[in-house]
Protein backbone atom coordinates (compact mmCIF):
# COMPACT_ATOMS: atom_id res chain seq x y z
CA UNK A 1 75.52 81.97 97.34
CA UNK A 2 73.36 84.92 96.28
CA UNK A 3 72.40 87.93 98.37
CA UNK A 4 69.61 87.78 100.90
CA UNK A 5 66.86 90.39 100.98
CA UNK A 6 65.01 90.81 104.27
CA UNK A 7 61.68 92.35 103.36
CA UNK A 8 59.08 94.08 105.50
CA UNK A 9 55.87 92.02 105.50
CA UNK A 10 53.80 95.05 104.54
CA UNK A 11 55.78 95.16 101.27
CA UNK A 12 54.55 91.65 100.47
CA UNK A 13 50.98 92.70 101.25
CA UNK A 14 51.34 95.77 99.05
CA UNK A 15 52.64 93.73 96.10
CA UNK A 16 49.87 91.15 96.52
CA UNK A 17 47.21 93.86 96.44
CA UNK A 18 48.37 95.38 93.14
CA UNK A 19 45.72 94.73 90.51
CA UNK A 20 46.75 94.77 86.86
CA UNK A 21 43.26 95.99 85.92
CA UNK A 22 43.52 94.58 82.42
CA UNK A 23 47.08 95.74 81.85
CA UNK A 24 49.83 93.38 80.78
CA UNK A 25 52.19 94.45 83.56
CA UNK A 26 52.88 96.91 86.34
CA UNK A 27 56.36 97.97 87.41
CA UNK A 28 57.74 99.85 90.38
CA UNK A 29 60.59 100.50 92.79
CA UNK A 30 61.97 98.69 95.83
CA UNK A 31 63.35 100.95 98.58
CA UNK A 32 65.59 100.05 101.48
CA UNK A 33 69.14 99.83 102.75
CA UNK A 34 72.24 97.86 101.81
CA UNK A 35 74.61 96.23 104.24
CA UNK A 36 77.61 93.97 103.79
CA UNK A 37 75.74 90.86 104.88
CA UNK A 38 72.20 91.40 103.62
CA UNK A 39 69.88 94.06 102.23
CA UNK A 40 66.69 95.37 103.80
CA UNK A 41 63.58 96.30 101.80
CA UNK A 42 61.13 98.45 103.75
CA UNK A 43 58.97 99.94 100.98
CA UNK A 44 57.69 99.26 97.48
CA UNK A 45 55.94 101.74 95.21
CA UNK A 46 54.47 101.26 91.78
CA UNK A 47 55.40 103.65 89.00
CA UNK A 48 52.36 105.85 88.30
CA UNK A 49 50.82 105.23 84.87
CA UNK A 50 51.63 107.65 82.11
CA UNK A 51 48.37 109.28 81.14
CA UNK A 52 48.78 109.14 77.37
CA UNK A 53 49.68 105.47 77.56
CA UNK A 54 46.77 104.40 79.69
CA UNK A 55 44.73 103.21 76.72
CA UNK A 56 47.57 101.23 75.12
CA UNK A 57 48.47 99.46 78.35
CA UNK A 58 44.96 98.11 78.78
CA UNK A 59 45.52 95.52 76.08
CA UNK A 60 46.68 92.24 77.64
CA UNK A 61 48.75 91.42 74.54
CA UNK A 62 51.01 94.42 75.07
CA UNK A 63 54.65 93.43 75.12
CA UNK A 64 57.23 94.28 77.73
CA UNK A 65 58.98 96.25 75.01
CA UNK A 66 56.37 98.90 75.79
CA UNK A 67 57.90 99.41 79.25
CA UNK A 68 58.72 103.11 79.26
CA UNK A 69 62.23 103.25 80.73
CA UNK A 70 62.38 107.04 80.59
CA UNK A 71 59.16 107.36 82.57
CA UNK A 72 60.28 104.74 85.10
CA UNK A 73 63.68 106.37 85.60
CA UNK A 74 62.08 109.78 86.09
CA UNK A 75 59.90 108.23 88.79
CA UNK A 76 63.04 106.80 90.41
CA UNK A 77 64.69 110.23 90.33
CA UNK A 78 61.66 111.82 91.99
CA UNK A 79 61.46 109.12 94.65
CA UNK A 80 65.19 109.28 95.39
CA UNK A 81 64.71 112.91 96.46
CA UNK A 82 62.23 111.69 99.06
CA UNK A 83 64.68 109.30 100.68
CA UNK A 84 66.69 110.45 103.71
CA UNK A 85 70.28 109.35 104.24
CA UNK A 86 70.77 105.60 104.40
CA UNK A 87 67.89 104.74 102.07
CA UNK A 88 68.29 103.87 98.40
CA UNK A 89 66.31 102.61 95.46
CA UNK A 90 67.52 99.01 95.81
CA UNK A 91 65.88 97.71 92.68
CA UNK A 92 62.75 97.28 90.63
CA UNK A 93 59.80 94.92 90.54
CA UNK A 94 57.43 93.91 87.79
CA UNK A 95 54.11 92.09 87.99
CA UNK A 96 53.02 90.45 84.74
CA UNK A 97 50.28 88.28 83.36
CA UNK A 98 50.93 84.58 82.93
CA UNK A 99 51.39 85.08 79.18
CA UNK A 100 54.42 87.30 79.80
CA UNK A 101 55.86 85.25 82.66
CA UNK A 102 58.75 84.04 80.51
CA UNK A 103 59.42 87.31 78.73
CA UNK A 104 60.38 89.72 81.48
CA UNK A 105 64.06 89.30 82.36
CA UNK A 106 65.52 91.42 79.53
CA UNK A 107 63.08 94.22 80.32
CA UNK A 108 64.00 94.13 84.01
CA UNK A 109 67.70 94.12 83.23
CA UNK A 110 67.42 97.18 80.99
CA UNK A 111 65.31 98.94 83.57
CA UNK A 112 67.59 98.35 86.58
CA UNK A 113 70.64 99.64 84.69
CA UNK A 114 68.73 102.66 83.34
CA UNK A 115 67.46 103.58 86.81
CA UNK A 116 70.89 103.34 88.42
CA UNK A 117 72.59 105.30 85.63
CA UNK A 118 70.04 108.09 85.82
CA UNK A 119 70.33 108.49 89.60
CA UNK A 120 74.13 108.37 89.55
CA UNK A 121 74.28 111.39 87.26
CA UNK A 122 72.63 113.57 89.89
CA UNK A 123 74.66 112.53 92.92
CA UNK A 124 77.42 114.60 94.48
CA UNK A 125 78.98 111.46 95.95
CA UNK A 126 80.26 108.13 94.70
CA UNK A 127 79.88 104.63 96.03
CA UNK A 128 82.96 103.21 97.73
CA UNK A 129 84.67 100.07 96.51
CA UNK A 130 83.57 98.21 99.65
CA UNK A 131 79.89 98.92 99.08
CA UNK A 132 77.49 96.46 97.55
CA UNK A 133 76.94 97.19 93.87
CA UNK A 134 74.26 94.56 93.28
CA UNK A 135 70.69 95.71 92.70
CA UNK A 136 67.63 93.51 92.85
CA UNK A 137 64.95 92.68 90.28
CA UNK A 138 61.75 91.01 91.40
CA UNK A 139 59.24 89.36 89.09
CA UNK A 140 55.79 88.29 90.26
CA UNK A 141 53.27 86.40 88.15
CA UNK A 142 49.82 87.84 88.78
CA UNK A 143 48.14 84.45 88.29
CA UNK A 144 50.42 81.97 90.08
CA UNK A 145 51.93 84.53 92.54
CA UNK A 146 55.28 82.90 91.84
CA UNK A 147 58.25 85.12 92.77
CA UNK A 148 61.60 85.21 91.03
CA UNK A 149 64.30 87.31 92.69
CA UNK A 150 67.61 88.07 90.95
CA UNK A 151 70.41 90.60 91.23
CA UNK A 152 72.71 92.42 88.80
CA UNK A 153 76.01 94.14 89.45
CA UNK A 154 75.17 97.61 88.16
CA UNK A 155 78.85 98.56 88.02
CA UNK A 156 79.39 95.85 85.41
CA UNK A 157 77.48 96.44 82.15
CA UNK A 158 78.07 92.80 81.20
CA UNK A 159 76.75 91.48 84.49
CA UNK A 160 74.51 88.44 84.33
CA UNK A 161 71.64 87.62 86.66
CA UNK A 162 72.36 85.94 89.99
CA UNK A 163 69.74 84.22 92.16
CA UNK A 164 68.83 85.89 95.45
CA UNK A 165 66.73 85.01 98.49
CA UNK A 166 63.59 87.02 99.25
CA UNK A 167 62.50 86.62 102.90
CA UNK A 168 59.70 88.43 104.69
CA UNK A 169 59.96 89.67 108.27
CA UNK A 170 57.40 91.43 110.41
CA UNK A 171 58.29 94.78 111.99
CA UNK A 172 61.58 95.03 110.11
CA UNK A 173 62.13 98.76 110.57
CA UNK A 174 60.29 99.37 113.84
CA UNK A 175 63.55 99.84 115.73
CA UNK A 176 65.83 101.45 113.15
CA UNK A 177 68.11 104.20 114.42
CA UNK A 178 67.94 107.80 113.25
CA UNK A 179 70.63 110.48 113.12
CA UNK A 180 69.78 114.17 112.96
CA UNK A 181 71.75 117.36 112.50
CA UNK A 182 71.36 120.94 111.38
CA UNK A 183 74.00 122.08 108.93
CA UNK A 184 74.71 125.76 108.39
CA UNK A 185 76.00 126.35 104.90
CA UNK A 186 77.64 129.36 103.33
CA UNK A 187 78.78 128.32 99.87
CA UNK A 188 80.32 130.89 97.55
CA UNK A 189 80.62 129.80 93.92
CA UNK A 190 82.59 132.25 91.75
CA UNK A 191 81.72 132.22 88.06
CA UNK A 192 84.70 132.60 85.76
CA UNK A 193 84.49 134.56 82.55
CA UNK A 194 84.28 131.26 80.66
CA UNK A 195 81.81 129.48 82.92
CA UNK A 196 79.48 132.48 83.07
CA UNK A 197 78.13 131.40 79.70
CA UNK A 198 77.08 128.05 81.15
CA UNK A 199 73.63 127.53 82.58
CA UNK A 200 73.11 128.59 86.16
CA UNK A 201 72.28 124.99 87.02
CA UNK A 202 75.58 123.69 85.64
CA UNK A 203 77.61 126.35 87.42
CA UNK A 204 75.87 125.59 90.70
CA UNK A 205 76.44 121.86 90.30
CA UNK A 206 80.14 122.45 89.63
CA UNK A 207 80.41 124.58 92.76
CA UNK A 208 78.56 122.05 94.89
CA UNK A 209 80.93 119.34 93.68
CA UNK A 210 83.82 121.25 95.23
CA UNK A 211 81.86 121.82 98.44
CA UNK A 212 81.03 118.11 98.60
CA UNK A 213 84.71 117.30 99.10
CA UNK A 214 84.69 119.48 102.19
CA UNK A 215 81.70 117.59 103.59
CA UNK A 216 83.34 114.26 102.81
CA UNK A 217 86.51 115.26 104.70
CA UNK A 218 84.72 116.69 107.74
CA UNK A 219 84.74 115.19 111.23
CA UNK A 220 81.43 113.94 112.62
CA UNK A 221 80.54 113.97 116.30
CA UNK A 222 77.85 111.51 117.38
CA UNK A 223 76.20 112.61 120.62
CA UNK A 224 79.21 114.86 121.15
CA UNK A 225 81.82 112.15 120.69
CA UNK A 226 84.25 111.13 117.97
CA UNK A 227 83.99 107.38 117.51
CA UNK A 228 86.14 104.97 115.55
CA UNK A 229 84.58 104.16 112.21
CA UNK A 230 84.65 100.41 112.86
CA UNK A 231 83.05 100.74 116.29
CA UNK A 232 79.52 99.59 116.95
CA UNK A 233 77.18 102.58 116.84
CA UNK A 234 75.40 101.25 119.91
CA UNK A 235 78.63 100.79 121.87
CA UNK A 236 78.32 102.33 125.30
CA UNK A 237 74.55 102.00 125.48
CA UNK A 238 73.34 101.05 128.94
CA UNK A 239 72.17 97.55 129.66
CA UNK A 240 68.77 96.89 131.15
CA UNK A 241 68.25 94.59 134.12
CA UNK A 242 67.40 91.82 131.65
CA UNK A 243 70.67 92.25 129.79
CA UNK A 244 69.16 93.91 126.74
CA UNK A 245 70.65 97.05 125.31
CA UNK A 246 68.56 100.13 125.96
CA UNK A 247 68.87 101.86 122.61
CA UNK A 248 68.36 105.51 121.96
CA UNK A 249 66.62 105.60 118.60
CA UNK A 250 67.91 109.08 117.77
CA UNK A 251 71.49 110.32 117.68
CA UNK A 252 72.57 113.96 117.51
CA UNK A 253 75.26 114.65 114.92
CA UNK A 254 77.53 117.67 114.63
CA UNK A 255 79.73 118.38 111.65
CA UNK A 256 83.22 119.82 112.02
CA UNK A 257 84.94 121.05 108.90
CA UNK A 258 88.61 121.83 108.48
CA UNK A 259 89.53 125.51 108.29
CA UNK A 260 93.13 124.90 107.32
CA UNK A 261 94.71 122.27 105.15
CA UNK A 262 97.63 120.28 106.46
CA UNK A 263 101.00 119.90 104.75
CA UNK A 264 99.84 116.79 102.90
CA UNK A 265 97.43 118.90 100.85
CA UNK A 266 99.79 121.45 99.38
CA UNK A 267 98.75 123.59 96.46
CA UNK A 268 99.68 126.89 94.88
CA UNK A 269 97.67 130.08 95.12
CA UNK A 270 95.51 130.69 92.08
CA UNK A 271 93.77 133.79 90.77
CA UNK A 272 90.62 133.45 88.72
CA UNK A 273 88.96 136.32 86.87
CA UNK A 274 85.23 136.11 87.49
CA UNK A 275 82.13 137.75 86.08
CA UNK A 276 79.68 136.81 88.79
CA UNK A 277 78.94 134.47 91.65
CA UNK A 278 76.35 132.16 93.15
CA UNK A 279 75.89 132.04 96.90
CA UNK A 280 74.07 129.46 98.98
CA UNK A 281 73.48 130.35 102.59
CA UNK A 282 71.31 129.13 105.40
CA UNK A 283 70.53 126.11 107.56
CA UNK A 284 69.28 122.72 106.47
CA UNK A 285 67.84 119.90 108.54
CA UNK A 286 69.42 116.55 107.78
CA UNK A 287 68.31 113.09 108.80
CA UNK A 288 69.61 109.59 108.20
CA UNK A 289 68.61 106.05 109.20
CA UNK A 290 70.53 102.85 109.80
CA UNK A 291 69.30 99.35 110.60
CA UNK A 292 69.58 98.21 114.22
CA UNK A 293 71.45 94.93 113.56
CA UNK A 294 74.99 95.70 114.78
CA UNK A 295 75.27 99.03 112.94
CA UNK A 296 78.76 100.47 112.46
CA UNK A 297 79.74 104.07 113.06
CA UNK A 298 81.12 104.38 109.53
CA UNK A 299 77.73 103.36 108.07
CA UNK A 300 75.93 105.97 110.17
CA UNK A 301 78.40 108.75 109.25
CA UNK A 302 78.26 107.82 105.59
CA UNK A 303 74.45 107.94 105.62
CA UNK A 304 74.54 111.39 107.21
CA UNK A 305 77.14 112.73 104.76
CA UNK A 306 75.05 111.64 101.83
CA UNK A 307 71.89 113.17 103.24
CA UNK A 308 73.68 116.53 103.63
CA UNK A 309 74.88 116.39 100.03
CA UNK A 310 71.58 115.11 98.66
CA UNK A 311 69.30 117.61 100.37
CA UNK A 312 71.30 120.67 99.26
CA UNK A 313 71.67 119.42 95.67
CA UNK A 314 68.01 118.37 95.47
CA UNK A 315 66.75 121.74 96.68
CA UNK A 316 68.79 123.55 94.04
CA UNK A 317 67.54 121.21 91.34
CA UNK A 318 63.91 121.66 92.44
CA UNK A 319 64.31 125.45 92.39
CA UNK A 320 65.73 125.40 88.86
CA UNK A 321 62.86 123.18 87.72
CA UNK A 322 60.37 125.58 89.32
CA UNK A 323 61.95 128.60 87.63
CA UNK A 324 61.85 126.81 84.29
CA UNK A 325 58.28 125.60 84.80
CA UNK A 326 57.05 129.07 85.71
CA UNK A 327 59.16 130.67 82.96
CA UNK A 328 60.79 133.20 85.27
CA UNK A 329 62.63 135.61 82.93
CA UNK A 330 66.39 135.93 83.25
CA UNK A 331 67.69 139.04 84.94
CA UNK A 332 69.57 141.60 82.93
CA UNK A 333 73.25 142.29 83.44
CA UNK A 334 74.23 143.78 86.79
CA UNK A 335 71.07 142.57 88.51
CA UNK A 336 70.84 140.43 91.61
CA UNK A 337 68.31 137.74 92.33
CA UNK A 338 67.19 136.13 95.57
CA UNK A 339 65.34 132.84 95.72
CA UNK A 340 64.22 130.91 98.76
CA UNK A 341 65.00 127.24 98.29
CA UNK A 342 62.20 124.81 99.21
CA UNK A 343 62.20 123.58 102.78
CA UNK A 344 62.01 120.01 104.00
CA UNK A 345 58.92 118.11 105.12
CA UNK A 346 58.98 114.63 106.68
CA UNK A 347 56.28 111.98 106.83
CA UNK A 348 56.38 108.65 108.71
CA UNK A 349 56.12 105.21 107.13
CA UNK A 350 53.28 103.43 108.97
CA UNK A 351 54.61 100.83 111.40
CA UNK A 352 58.17 102.08 111.11
CA UNK A 353 60.53 104.50 112.82
CA UNK A 354 61.73 105.62 109.39
CA UNK A 355 60.42 108.83 107.84
CA UNK A 356 60.50 109.90 104.20
CA UNK A 357 60.77 113.51 103.05
CA UNK A 358 59.67 115.98 100.42
CA UNK A 359 60.28 119.64 99.66
CA UNK A 360 57.82 122.51 99.90
CA UNK A 361 57.86 126.06 98.62
CA UNK A 362 56.26 128.67 100.82
CA UNK A 363 53.22 129.04 98.58
CA UNK A 364 52.47 125.31 98.41
CA UNK A 365 49.71 123.91 100.60
CA UNK A 366 49.89 120.86 102.83
CA UNK A 367 47.32 119.22 100.56
CA UNK A 368 49.65 119.56 97.57
CA UNK A 369 52.50 117.93 99.49
CA UNK A 370 50.21 115.12 100.61
CA UNK A 371 49.04 114.53 97.04
CA UNK A 372 52.65 114.42 95.81
CA UNK A 373 53.52 111.82 98.43
CA UNK A 374 50.56 109.71 97.36
CA UNK A 375 51.39 110.04 93.66
CA UNK A 376 55.09 109.18 94.03
CA UNK A 377 54.87 106.54 96.78
CA UNK A 378 51.38 105.13 96.24
CA UNK A 379 50.74 105.14 99.98
CA UNK A 380 48.00 107.04 101.79
CA UNK A 381 49.18 109.63 104.31
CA UNK A 382 47.38 112.13 106.50
CA UNK A 383 48.04 115.87 106.50
CA UNK A 384 48.46 115.82 110.26
CA UNK A 385 51.36 113.37 109.83
CA UNK A 386 53.43 115.94 107.92
CA UNK A 387 56.38 117.18 109.95
CA UNK A 388 57.63 120.59 108.89
CA UNK A 389 61.34 120.32 109.60
CA UNK A 390 62.20 123.91 108.72
CA UNK A 391 60.25 127.09 109.21
CA UNK A 392 59.94 129.44 106.29
CA UNK A 393 58.18 132.63 105.31
CA UNK A 394 56.62 133.01 101.90
CA UNK A 395 58.72 132.30 98.81
CA UNK A 396 60.83 135.38 98.15
CA UNK A 397 62.61 136.75 95.11
CA UNK A 398 64.17 140.19 94.81
CA UNK A 399 66.54 141.88 92.39
CA UNK A 400 68.62 145.01 92.54
CA UNK A 401 71.14 146.82 90.35
CA UNK A 402 74.75 146.68 91.51
CA UNK A 403 77.76 147.42 89.35
CA UNK A 404 80.43 146.38 91.85
CA UNK A 405 81.03 143.19 93.76
CA UNK A 406 83.77 141.47 95.61
CA UNK A 407 84.25 138.44 97.78
CA UNK A 408 83.96 140.65 100.83
CA UNK A 409 80.47 142.01 100.15
CA UNK A 410 78.63 138.90 98.98
CA UNK A 411 76.36 139.07 102.02
CA UNK A 412 75.49 142.77 101.82
CA UNK A 413 72.21 142.21 100.06
CA UNK A 414 69.60 140.32 102.03
CA UNK A 415 65.90 139.71 101.47
CA UNK A 416 63.73 142.33 103.15
CA UNK A 417 61.72 139.67 104.93
CA UNK A 418 63.42 137.74 107.74
CA UNK A 419 64.67 134.34 106.67
CA UNK A 420 65.44 131.78 109.35
CA UNK A 421 66.34 128.11 109.16
CA UNK A 422 66.12 128.24 105.41
CA UNK A 423 68.52 128.46 102.52
CA UNK A 424 68.88 131.53 100.36
CA UNK A 425 70.15 131.15 96.83
CA UNK A 426 71.76 134.41 95.79
CA UNK A 427 72.63 134.73 92.13
CA UNK A 428 74.94 137.52 91.14
CA UNK A 429 75.97 137.42 87.49
CA UNK A 430 77.77 139.88 85.20
CA UNK A 431 78.35 142.36 87.99
CA UNK A 432 81.97 143.18 87.44
CA UNK A 433 85.24 141.40 88.03
CA UNK A 434 85.94 139.29 91.08
CA UNK A 435 89.29 137.89 92.06
CA UNK A 436 88.76 134.47 93.63
CA UNK A 437 91.77 133.33 95.63
CA UNK A 438 92.45 129.79 96.79
CA UNK A 439 95.39 130.00 99.20
CA UNK A 440 96.95 127.13 101.09
CA UNK A 441 98.30 127.84 104.56
CA UNK A 442 100.69 125.42 106.22
CA UNK A 443 99.91 124.84 109.86
CA UNK A 444 101.05 122.56 112.62
CA UNK A 445 97.57 121.83 113.82
CA UNK A 446 94.20 121.54 112.16
CA UNK A 447 91.48 124.02 113.10
CA UNK A 448 87.84 123.28 112.87
CA UNK A 449 84.64 125.18 113.13
CA UNK A 450 81.12 124.03 113.70
CA UNK A 451 78.66 123.74 110.86
CA UNK A 452 76.10 122.92 113.51
CA UNK A 453 74.91 124.95 116.49
């Protein structure tokens, strides 16, 4: 028995309205959420055409070999940044002419594996063994409207296609549950004398990987309570007079991180000679969504963890891309840099409680963010629908000479303008020698402190 995909009816309408306009095929992404029993598809978006290929793709005799996997995977990477916790790129679709109706499966197989491989490289987290590793491919013939739905196990390179059910449902995500939290981060990443020669992006990614373990091992309070991971998320909700559960669509989450390690995590003190450091500090708004069909606490917590990790990593990556795009020159030795990371903007999916997100620098206009949403998701949105999750001043960068540094003074330098509810990336390279100590303390109890207010 293959997997079942419950699909929002508007997705079917969207796919039906795609016009090939003389092209041999159109491909795109399917977005939704996995569960142990079935998967939910709430959005589909076509991959925007590559400008230089527009002319070639107008010929109906073009073969599926012309499917640009690199372009499609880049689109998937961009879209994955716009997905809050709990949502994934579940698969790909392709709409072809009748002539190519029997020549699509190999192209889809290559594409689904390429997309998953590309997105996995950027994640700070890994899928668990219990999670579903099947991803869906959907083929639609533009003439007959015939649909063929199959899945592949993306963890098995030799996986063969399995049949799957594709069922439409109206109002699929109108009652999904959301979880929200504000996470205060203060990440110090020392740069050793060997790693200082690496790119800033690589050093930051290595540091975030260590921080990710802390997030994974944290304790999560949902509406102020610690709940068993196998408990129903809606457990304890009041019943209405008709016997229906009165659900609160939004849950407040607080993150507690361990200050001390217990005796099961023993290690020896280490000293590392460093030539600089990277510091991430500030507050980030996090949001995750889970389906409303008997959701488990562990699914909600997992979705929130991954949103925390994704949003911090994505902001860093976007900043590095912006610096490269604008050719910001590297600072000389003994100089400090300050960069404001982009802040988060949410936009609703029409007819759904789910919101997607994007990231905005201080000098970007609302029109630019709207246009990016339209380009990446192929759905019309209104500027007034944009929800600015985090306040920010203008984008800020400053540098100063400093020949001494230590772990104790990493917060001495601050931007001259006030920065609230935003993340500051402080880069401090080649500024002397830092001794970075990792010391394990044995304790009877475990202490925690709030990441959240």
